[in-house]
Structure formats: C-alpha cells, structure tokens
Amino acid sequence: MTGVKHDHGKPEYSLIPPLAEEEVVKVLTMGAKKYSPDNWRLIDDIPKRYMDAAMRHMADWRKGNYTDDESGLSHLAHAICCLQFVLEDQLIKGNESN
C-alpha cells in the first residue's frame, strides 16, 4: 500500500540548515532568559534598533571576532535573530495595513 500526502508546493521547512537554526535558537533562548520571551516586540523603533544591533554583530564578525563576549554565542546567530525581528515586525505591520 502507498500513502498519499498532498504537500506539493508547500513550504519545505527541512531546507532550513539545522546547525545554524540551533545557534539562532540558542540566542533566542538566552534573550528570553535575560529579558523575557518576546520582549523584542516591546522595543520602540524595532527596524532601526535591531538593524543597528545586527550591523554591530556583523562588524565584529567581519573583524574576526566570531563569538559575542557577553553571551558566548555566535555573532552571526545574533545578527540573524536581529534580522528576523526586523522582518517579523515588517510582515506584521504590512499585514495590519492591508
């Protein structure tokens, strides 16, 4: 017997690189413990504040400092989190304006 699953054309979450995803989740978990879960949503001017933070992490990474001094986690994972916050905020605000 052969099963049927109608998932053609649906998002393929298995394409997300698992090791990178785990590093991003570590940053999110650390942030949730330090501040509170989803605290980032309460910050004023999310695009500017988190784009600045992402660029600071990228600048450190480009200078060869691959690990954040405070968290001990990847600067790239921190930058990805910041960019996800900016994107999420943009998507929410875009949906609210429709």
N, C-alpha and C. Protein backbone atom coordinates (compact mmCIF):
# COMPACT_ATOMS: atom_id res chain seq x y z
N MET A 1 0.84 -1.17 0.00
CA MET A 1 0.00 0.00 0.00
C MET A 1 0.90 1.25 0.00
N THR A 2 0.52 2.25 -0.76
CA THR A 2 1.25 3.51 -0.84
C THR A 2 0.39 4.62 -0.29
N GLY A 3 0.98 5.43 0.60
CA GLY A 3 0.25 6.54 1.20
C GLY A 3 0.25 7.76 0.28
N VAL A 4 -0.64 8.67 0.55
CA VAL A 4 -0.75 9.91 -0.21
C VAL A 4 -0.62 11.07 0.75
N LYS A 5 0.17 12.04 0.36
CA LYS A 5 0.35 13.27 1.15
C LYS A 5 0.36 14.43 0.18
N HIS A 6 -0.62 15.29 0.27
CA HIS A 6 -0.74 16.43 -0.64
C HIS A 6 0.04 17.62 -0.09
N ASP A 7 1.38 17.59 -0.30
CA ASP A 7 2.20 18.67 0.21
C ASP A 7 3.03 19.35 -0.89
N HIS A 8 2.71 19.07 -2.13
CA HIS A 8 3.42 19.70 -3.24
C HIS A 8 3.18 21.22 -3.22
N GLY A 9 4.25 21.98 -3.34
CA GLY A 9 4.13 23.42 -3.37
C GLY A 9 4.07 24.08 -2.00
N LYS A 10 4.09 23.30 -0.94
CA LYS A 10 4.05 23.85 0.41
C LYS A 10 5.48 24.15 0.87
N PRO A 11 5.64 25.07 1.83
CA PRO A 11 6.99 25.39 2.32
C PRO A 11 7.72 24.16 2.82
N GLU A 12 8.99 24.06 2.50
CA GLU A 12 9.82 22.92 2.89
C GLU A 12 10.75 23.33 4.03
N TYR A 13 10.23 23.21 5.24
CA TYR A 13 10.99 23.60 6.42
C TYR A 13 12.26 22.78 6.60
N SER A 14 12.31 21.63 5.97
CA SER A 14 13.51 20.80 6.06
C SER A 14 14.70 21.44 5.36
N LEU A 15 14.47 22.50 4.59
CA LEU A 15 15.57 23.19 3.92
C LEU A 15 16.34 24.12 4.86
N ILE A 16 15.80 24.42 6.02
CA ILE A 16 16.50 25.28 6.98
C ILE A 16 17.71 24.50 7.51
N PRO A 17 18.89 25.09 7.42
CA PRO A 17 20.09 24.38 7.92
C PRO A 17 19.98 24.15 9.43
N PRO A 18 20.00 22.90 9.87
CA PRO A 18 19.71 22.60 11.28
C PRO A 18 20.75 23.11 12.27
N LEU A 19 22.02 23.12 11.92
CA LEU A 19 23.04 23.59 12.85
C LEU A 19 22.93 25.10 13.05
N ALA A 20 22.71 25.83 11.96
CA ALA A 20 22.53 27.28 12.05
C ALA A 20 21.26 27.60 12.83
N GLU A 21 20.20 26.85 12.55
CA GLU A 21 18.94 27.08 13.26
C GLU A 21 19.13 26.89 14.76
N GLU A 22 19.88 25.89 15.15
CA GLU A 22 20.11 25.63 16.56
C GLU A 22 20.86 26.80 17.22
N GLU A 23 21.83 27.38 16.51
CA GLU A 23 22.56 28.51 17.06
C GLU A 23 21.65 29.73 17.25
N VAL A 24 20.75 29.94 16.29
CA VAL A 24 19.79 31.05 16.40
C VAL A 24 18.86 30.80 17.59
N VAL A 25 18.41 29.58 17.76
CA VAL A 25 17.53 29.25 18.89
C VAL A 25 18.26 29.45 20.22
N LYS A 26 19.54 29.17 20.26
CA LYS A 26 20.32 29.42 21.48
C LYS A 26 20.31 30.91 21.83
N VAL A 27 20.49 31.76 20.81
CA VAL A 27 20.46 33.21 21.04
C VAL A 27 19.07 33.63 21.52
N LEU A 28 18.03 33.13 20.87
CA LEU A 28 16.67 33.47 21.27
C LEU A 28 16.38 33.02 22.71
N THR A 29 16.84 31.84 23.07
CA THR A 29 16.64 31.32 24.41
C THR A 29 17.39 32.16 25.44
N MET A 30 18.62 32.53 25.13
CA MET A 30 19.39 33.39 26.02
C MET A 30 18.68 34.72 26.21
N GLY A 31 18.18 35.31 25.12
CA GLY A 31 17.46 36.58 25.20
C GLY A 31 16.18 36.47 26.02
N ALA A 32 15.48 35.37 25.87
CA ALA A 32 14.23 35.16 26.62
C ALA A 32 14.52 35.05 28.12
N LYS A 33 15.64 34.42 28.47
CA LYS A 33 16.01 34.31 29.89
C LYS A 33 16.50 35.64 30.44
N LYS A 34 17.25 36.39 29.63
CA LYS A 34 17.82 37.66 30.09
C LYS A 34 16.75 38.73 30.24
N TYR A 35 15.83 38.81 29.29
CA TYR A 35 14.79 39.85 29.29
C TYR A 35 13.44 39.22 29.64
N SER A 36 12.82 38.61 28.66
CA SER A 36 11.60 37.81 28.80
C SER A 36 11.25 37.34 27.39
N PRO A 37 10.49 36.26 27.28
CA PRO A 37 10.12 35.80 25.94
C PRO A 37 9.40 36.91 25.16
N ASP A 38 9.82 37.10 23.93
CA ASP A 38 9.21 38.07 23.01
C ASP A 38 9.33 39.53 23.48
N ASN A 39 10.25 39.82 24.39
CA ASN A 39 10.49 41.19 24.83
C ASN A 39 10.82 42.11 23.66
N TRP A 40 11.47 41.57 22.64
CA TRP A 40 11.89 42.38 21.50
C TRP A 40 10.69 43.09 20.86
N ARG A 41 9.51 42.48 20.96
CA ARG A 41 8.31 43.08 20.35
C ARG A 41 7.90 44.39 21.03
N LEU A 42 8.39 44.62 22.24
CA LEU A 42 8.02 45.80 23.03
C LEU A 42 8.96 46.98 22.82
N ILE A 43 10.02 46.78 22.06
CA ILE A 43 11.03 47.81 21.85
C ILE A 43 10.52 48.86 20.85
N ASP A 44 10.75 50.13 21.16
CA ASP A 44 10.41 51.21 20.23
C ASP A 44 11.36 51.18 19.04
N ASP A 45 10.84 51.51 17.87
CA ASP A 45 11.62 51.63 16.64
C ASP A 45 12.41 50.35 16.33
N ILE A 46 11.70 49.25 16.27
CA ILE A 46 12.31 47.94 16.03
C ILE A 46 13.24 47.93 14.82
N PRO A 47 12.82 48.46 13.65
CA PRO A 47 13.72 48.37 12.50
C PRO A 47 15.09 49.03 12.73
N LYS A 48 15.10 50.23 13.28
CA LYS A 48 16.37 50.92 13.50
C LYS A 48 17.21 50.24 14.58
N ARG A 49 16.59 49.96 15.70
CA ARG A 49 17.34 49.42 16.84
C ARG A 49 17.94 48.05 16.51
N TYR A 50 17.13 47.19 15.86
CA TYR A 50 17.65 45.85 15.59
C TYR A 50 18.52 45.79 14.34
N MET A 51 18.34 46.70 13.40
CA MET A 51 19.27 46.76 12.27
C MET A 51 20.63 47.24 12.77
N ASP A 52 20.62 48.24 13.66
CA ASP A 52 21.89 48.68 14.26
C ASP A 52 22.57 47.53 14.99
N ALA A 53 21.81 46.79 15.78
CA ALA A 53 22.38 45.67 16.53
C ALA A 53 22.92 44.59 15.59
N ALA A 54 22.17 44.29 14.54
CA ALA A 54 22.63 43.28 13.56
C ALA A 54 23.94 43.72 12.93
N MET A 55 24.03 45.00 12.57
CA MET A 55 25.24 45.50 11.92
C MET A 55 26.43 45.50 12.89
N ARG A 56 26.19 45.76 14.18
CA ARG A 56 27.28 45.68 15.17
C ARG A 56 27.80 44.24 15.26
N HIS A 57 26.90 43.28 15.27
CA HIS A 57 27.32 41.88 15.31
C HIS A 57 28.07 41.51 14.03
N MET A 58 27.59 41.99 12.90
CA MET A 58 28.27 41.71 11.63
C MET A 58 29.65 42.36 11.59
N ALA A 59 29.76 43.57 12.10
CA ALA A 59 31.05 44.26 12.12
C ALA A 59 32.06 43.49 12.97
N ASP A 60 31.62 43.02 14.14
CA ASP A 60 32.52 42.22 14.98
C ASP A 60 32.95 40.95 14.25
N TRP A 61 32.01 40.30 13.61
CA TRP A 61 32.31 39.06 12.87
C TRP A 61 33.31 39.34 11.74
N ARG A 62 33.10 40.44 11.03
CA ARG A 62 34.00 40.79 9.92
C ARG A 62 35.41 41.09 10.40
N LYS A 63 35.53 41.55 11.65
CA LYS A 63 36.85 41.83 12.23
C LYS A 63 37.50 40.58 12.80
N GLY A 64 36.84 39.44 12.66
CA GLY A 64 37.41 38.18 13.12
C GLY A 64 37.02 37.78 14.52
N ASN A 65 36.13 38.54 15.15
CA ASN A 65 35.62 38.20 16.47
C ASN A 65 34.30 37.45 16.27
N TYR A 66 34.36 36.14 16.24
CA TYR A 66 33.21 35.33 15.83
C TYR A 66 32.22 35.05 16.95
N THR A 67 32.62 35.29 18.19
CA THR A 67 31.77 34.96 19.34
C THR A 67 31.49 36.22 20.15
N ASP A 68 30.23 36.43 20.50
CA ASP A 68 29.82 37.55 21.33
C ASP A 68 30.38 37.38 22.73
N ASP A 69 31.03 38.43 23.23
CA ASP A 69 31.68 38.35 24.55
C ASP A 69 30.69 38.08 25.68
N GLU A 70 29.53 38.73 25.63
CA GLU A 70 28.56 38.60 26.72
C GLU A 70 27.90 37.22 26.75
N SER A 71 27.44 36.76 25.60
CA SER A 71 26.67 35.51 25.56
C SER A 71 27.52 34.27 25.30
N GLY A 72 28.67 34.46 24.68
CA GLY A 72 29.49 33.32 24.27
C GLY A 72 28.94 32.63 23.03
N LEU A 73 27.96 33.26 22.38
CA LEU A 73 27.32 32.68 21.20
C LEU A 73 27.77 33.40 19.94
N SER A 74 27.49 32.82 18.82
CA SER A 74 27.91 33.33 17.52
C SER A 74 27.37 34.73 17.22
N HIS A 75 28.27 35.62 16.76
CA HIS A 75 27.82 36.94 16.32
C HIS A 75 26.86 36.80 15.14
N LEU A 76 27.10 35.84 14.26
CA LEU A 76 26.20 35.65 13.12
C LEU A 76 24.82 35.23 13.58
N ALA A 77 24.73 34.36 14.57
CA ALA A 77 23.43 33.95 15.09
C ALA A 77 22.71 35.14 15.72
N HIS A 78 23.44 35.99 16.42
CA HIS A 78 22.84 37.21 16.98
C HIS A 78 22.31 38.10 15.86
N ALA A 79 23.11 38.28 14.81
CA ALA A 79 22.68 39.12 13.69
C ALA A 79 21.44 38.55 13.01
N ILE A 80 21.41 37.25 12.84
CA ILE A 80 20.24 36.61 12.22
C ILE A 80 19.00 36.85 13.07
N CYS A 81 19.13 36.72 14.38
CA CYS A 81 17.98 36.99 15.27
C CYS A 81 17.49 38.42 15.07
N CYS A 82 18.41 39.36 15.07
CA CYS A 82 18.03 40.76 14.89
C CYS A 82 17.30 40.96 13.56
N LEU A 83 17.81 40.36 12.50
CA LEU A 83 17.18 40.50 11.19
C LEU A 83 15.81 39.81 11.16
N GLN A 84 15.67 38.72 11.87
CA GLN A 84 14.36 38.07 11.96
C GLN A 84 13.36 38.98 12.67
N PHE A 85 13.81 39.67 13.70
CA PHE A 85 12.93 40.61 14.40
C PHE A 85 12.48 41.72 13.47
N VAL A 86 13.40 42.26 12.69
CA VAL A 86 13.05 43.34 11.75
C VAL A 86 12.07 42.82 10.70
N LEU A 87 12.33 41.64 10.17
CA LEU A 87 11.44 41.06 9.16
C LEU A 87 10.06 40.77 9.75
N GLU A 88 10.02 40.17 10.92
CA GLU A 88 8.74 39.85 11.56
C GLU A 88 7.92 41.14 11.78
N ASP A 89 8.60 42.17 12.28
CA ASP A 89 7.93 43.45 12.50
C ASP A 89 7.38 44.01 11.19
N GLN A 90 8.17 43.93 10.14
CA GLN A 90 7.74 44.43 8.83
C GLN A 90 6.54 43.63 8.32
N LEU A 91 6.59 42.32 8.45
CA LEU A 91 5.48 41.48 7.98
C LEU A 91 4.20 41.75 8.77
N ILE A 92 4.34 41.93 10.07
CA ILE A 92 3.15 42.22 10.90
C ILE A 92 2.57 43.55 10.52
N LYS A 93 3.42 44.56 10.41
CA LYS A 93 2.92 45.89 10.06
C LYS A 93 2.36 45.93 8.66
N GLY A 94 2.94 45.16 7.76
CA GLY A 94 2.42 45.07 6.39
C GLY A 94 1.03 44.44 6.38
N ASN A 95 0.85 43.41 7.23
CA ASN A 95 -0.45 42.74 7.31
C ASN A 95 -1.48 43.65 7.96
N GLU A 96 -1.07 44.49 8.92
CA GLU A 96 -2.01 45.39 9.58
C GLU A 96 -2.48 46.49 8.64
N SER A 97 -1.66 46.87 7.66
CA SER A 97 -2.02 47.98 6.78
C SER A 97 -2.92 47.53 5.62
N ASN A 98 -3.11 46.23 5.45
CA ASN A 98 -3.95 45.74 4.34
C ASN A 98 -5.41 45.76 4.72
